[in-house]
Amino acid sequence: MALETNLKGRSAVITGASEGIGRATAWLLAAEGANIFLTARNAERRAALKAELEPATGITGTRLELVKS
């Protein structure tokens, strides 16, 4: 049985978003239309992920935020 989700308009804070499971989670939730807040210790990789997600998913502005950790 497949899990059906509707994440459009829902919000999620993703810790460790610059690599590994956190990065994969960011991609998955962004693709499902969630508003995401990215946190990671490495600011450069966090910003790079945001730059990749914006054009690929159409999420911009207040729907995709970087959070300094």
N, C-alpha and C. Protein backbone atom coordinates (compact mmCIF):
# COMPACT_ATOMS: atom_id res chain seq x y z
N MET A 1 0.84 -1.17 0.00
CA MET A 1 0.00 0.00 0.00
C MET A 1 0.89 1.24 0.00
N ALA A 2 0.61 2.15 -0.90
CA ALA A 2 1.41 3.38 -1.01
C ALA A 2 0.87 4.43 -0.06
N LEU A 3 1.77 5.18 0.51
CA LEU A 3 1.40 6.27 1.39
C LEU A 3 1.12 7.50 0.55
N GLU A 4 -0.07 8.05 0.67
CA GLU A 4 -0.41 9.26 -0.07
C GLU A 4 -0.23 10.46 0.84
N THR A 5 0.49 11.45 0.34
CA THR A 5 0.73 12.65 1.13
C THR A 5 0.37 13.88 0.32
N ASN A 6 -0.09 14.88 1.00
CA ASN A 6 -0.33 16.18 0.38
C ASN A 6 0.40 17.20 1.24
N LEU A 7 1.60 17.55 0.83
CA LEU A 7 2.43 18.45 1.62
C LEU A 7 2.37 19.89 1.14
N LYS A 8 1.62 20.15 0.08
CA LYS A 8 1.55 21.51 -0.46
C LYS A 8 1.03 22.45 0.63
N GLY A 9 1.81 23.49 0.91
CA GLY A 9 1.45 24.47 1.90
C GLY A 9 1.84 24.11 3.33
N ARG A 10 2.28 22.89 3.55
CA ARG A 10 2.74 22.48 4.88
C ARG A 10 4.19 22.94 5.04
N SER A 11 4.66 23.10 6.26
CA SER A 11 6.02 23.58 6.51
C SER A 11 6.85 22.53 7.22
N ALA A 12 8.16 22.53 6.90
CA ALA A 12 9.07 21.58 7.53
C ALA A 12 10.42 22.25 7.76
N VAL A 13 11.01 21.98 8.91
CA VAL A 13 12.37 22.40 9.21
C VAL A 13 13.25 21.19 8.99
N ILE A 14 14.27 21.33 8.16
CA ILE A 14 15.15 20.21 7.84
C ILE A 14 16.53 20.51 8.41
N THR A 15 16.95 19.70 9.36
CA THR A 15 18.27 19.87 9.96
C THR A 15 19.27 19.03 9.19
N GLY A 16 20.51 19.49 9.16
CA GLY A 16 21.54 18.76 8.42
C GLY A 16 21.24 18.71 6.94
N ALA A 17 20.68 19.79 6.41
CA ALA A 17 20.20 19.81 5.03
C ALA A 17 21.29 19.84 3.98
N SER A 18 22.53 20.08 4.36
CA SER A 18 23.57 20.25 3.34
C SER A 18 24.09 18.94 2.77
N GLU A 19 23.78 17.80 3.42
CA GLU A 19 24.27 16.53 2.89
C GLU A 19 23.45 15.35 3.44
N GLY A 20 23.66 14.20 2.84
CA GLY A 20 23.07 12.97 3.33
C GLY A 20 21.55 12.94 3.37
N ILE A 21 21.03 12.38 4.47
CA ILE A 21 19.59 12.22 4.62
C ILE A 21 18.88 13.58 4.64
N GLY A 22 19.48 14.58 5.27
CA GLY A 22 18.87 15.91 5.31
C GLY A 22 18.70 16.49 3.91
N ARG A 23 19.72 16.34 3.09
CA ARG A 23 19.66 16.84 1.70
C ARG A 23 18.59 16.10 0.91
N ALA A 24 18.56 14.78 1.05
CA ALA A 24 17.56 13.97 0.34
C ALA A 24 16.14 14.34 0.79
N THR A 25 15.99 14.58 2.08
CA THR A 25 14.69 14.98 2.62
C THR A 25 14.27 16.33 2.06
N ALA A 26 15.20 17.25 1.95
CA ALA A 26 14.89 18.57 1.38
C ALA A 26 14.37 18.43 -0.04
N TRP A 27 15.03 17.62 -0.84
CA TRP A 27 14.58 17.40 -2.22
C TRP A 27 13.19 16.78 -2.26
N LEU A 28 12.97 15.78 -1.43
CA LEU A 28 11.68 15.08 -1.42
C LEU A 28 10.54 16.02 -1.01
N LEU A 29 10.73 16.74 0.09
CA LEU A 29 9.68 17.62 0.56
C LEU A 29 9.44 18.80 -0.39
N ALA A 30 10.50 19.33 -0.96
CA ALA A 30 10.34 20.42 -1.93
C ALA A 30 9.57 19.95 -3.15
N ALA A 31 9.87 18.74 -3.61
CA ALA A 31 9.17 18.18 -4.77
C ALA A 31 7.69 17.96 -4.48
N GLU A 32 7.35 17.74 -3.22
CA GLU A 32 5.96 17.54 -2.82
C GLU A 32 5.23 18.85 -2.53
N GLY A 33 5.94 19.99 -2.66
CA GLY A 33 5.32 21.29 -2.50
C GLY A 33 5.35 21.88 -1.11
N ALA A 34 6.11 21.28 -0.21
CA ALA A 34 6.19 21.80 1.16
C ALA A 34 7.01 23.08 1.22
N ASN A 35 6.71 23.92 2.18
CA ASN A 35 7.54 25.08 2.50
C ASN A 35 8.67 24.52 3.37
N ILE A 36 9.91 24.80 3.00
CA ILE A 36 11.00 24.20 3.76
C ILE A 36 11.96 25.25 4.30
N PHE A 37 12.46 24.96 5.48
CA PHE A 37 13.46 25.79 6.15
C PHE A 37 14.70 24.92 6.31
N LEU A 38 15.78 25.32 5.66
CA LEU A 38 17.01 24.52 5.64
C LEU A 38 17.96 24.96 6.73
N THR A 39 18.44 24.03 7.52
CA THR A 39 19.48 24.32 8.49
C THR A 39 20.65 23.39 8.25
N ALA A 40 21.85 23.91 8.43
CA ALA A 40 23.07 23.12 8.28
C ALA A 40 24.22 23.95 8.82
N ARG A 41 25.24 23.26 9.31
CA ARG A 41 26.41 23.99 9.82
C ARG A 41 27.21 24.64 8.71
N ASN A 42 27.26 24.02 7.54
CA ASN A 42 28.04 24.54 6.43
C ASN A 42 27.18 25.49 5.60
N ALA A 43 27.40 26.79 5.78
CA ALA A 43 26.59 27.81 5.10
C ALA A 43 26.72 27.76 3.59
N GLU A 44 27.90 27.45 3.08
CA GLU A 44 28.09 27.41 1.63
C GLU A 44 27.29 26.27 1.00
N ARG A 45 27.33 25.10 1.60
CA ARG A 45 26.56 23.97 1.05
C ARG A 45 25.06 24.19 1.22
N ARG A 46 24.67 24.84 2.32
CA ARG A 46 23.25 25.16 2.53
C ARG A 46 22.77 26.11 1.44
N ALA A 47 23.55 27.13 1.13
CA ALA A 47 23.18 28.08 0.08
C ALA A 47 23.18 27.42 -1.29
N ALA A 48 24.12 26.51 -1.52
CA ALA A 48 24.18 25.79 -2.79
C ALA A 48 22.93 24.93 -2.98
N LEU A 49 22.47 24.29 -1.91
CA LEU A 49 21.26 23.48 -2.00
C LEU A 49 20.07 24.35 -2.34
N LYS A 50 19.96 25.50 -1.71
CA LYS A 50 18.86 26.41 -2.02
C LYS A 50 18.91 26.80 -3.49
N ALA A 51 20.11 27.11 -3.99
CA ALA A 51 20.27 27.50 -5.39
C ALA A 51 19.88 26.37 -6.34
N GLU A 52 20.09 25.13 -5.94
CA GLU A 52 19.69 23.98 -6.76
C GLU A 52 18.18 23.74 -6.69
N LEU A 53 17.61 23.88 -5.51
CA LEU A 53 16.19 23.59 -5.32
C LEU A 53 15.27 24.60 -6.01
N GLU A 54 15.65 25.87 -5.98
CA GLU A 54 14.77 26.91 -6.52
C GLU A 54 14.37 26.64 -7.98
N PRO A 55 15.31 26.49 -8.91
CA PRO A 55 14.88 26.28 -10.29
C PRO A 55 14.28 24.89 -10.54
N ALA A 56 14.72 23.91 -9.80
CA ALA A 56 14.25 22.54 -10.01
C ALA A 56 12.84 22.32 -9.51
N THR A 57 12.45 23.04 -8.44
CA THR A 57 11.15 22.79 -7.82
C THR A 57 10.18 23.96 -7.95
N GLY A 58 10.70 25.12 -8.32
CA GLY A 58 9.85 26.31 -8.42
C GLY A 58 9.58 26.98 -7.08
N ILE A 59 10.19 26.47 -6.02
CA ILE A 59 10.02 27.07 -4.69
C ILE A 59 10.98 28.24 -4.58
N THR A 60 10.46 29.40 -4.22
CA THR A 60 11.29 30.59 -4.08
C THR A 60 10.84 31.41 -2.88
N GLY A 61 11.61 32.42 -2.58
CA GLY A 61 11.23 33.40 -1.57
C GLY A 61 10.95 32.80 -0.21
N THR A 62 9.81 33.16 0.35
CA THR A 62 9.49 32.75 1.71
C THR A 62 9.13 31.28 1.83
N ARG A 63 8.97 30.58 0.72
CA ARG A 63 8.67 29.15 0.79
C ARG A 63 9.94 28.31 0.92
N LEU A 64 11.09 28.93 0.69
CA LEU A 64 12.37 28.24 0.82
C LEU A 64 13.33 29.16 1.55
N GLU A 65 13.59 28.88 2.80
CA GLU A 65 14.41 29.77 3.63
C GLU A 65 15.64 29.06 4.17
N LEU A 66 16.70 29.84 4.31
CA LEU A 66 17.92 29.35 4.96
C LEU A 66 17.88 29.80 6.41
N VAL A 67 18.22 28.92 7.29
CA VAL A 67 18.26 29.23 8.71
C VAL A 67 19.68 29.04 9.20
N LYS A 68 20.26 30.10 9.76
CA LYS A 68 21.63 30.02 10.27
C LYS A 68 21.66 29.11 11.49
N SER A 69 22.57 28.16 11.46
CA SER A 69 22.67 27.26 12.63
C SER A 69 24.02 27.36 13.26
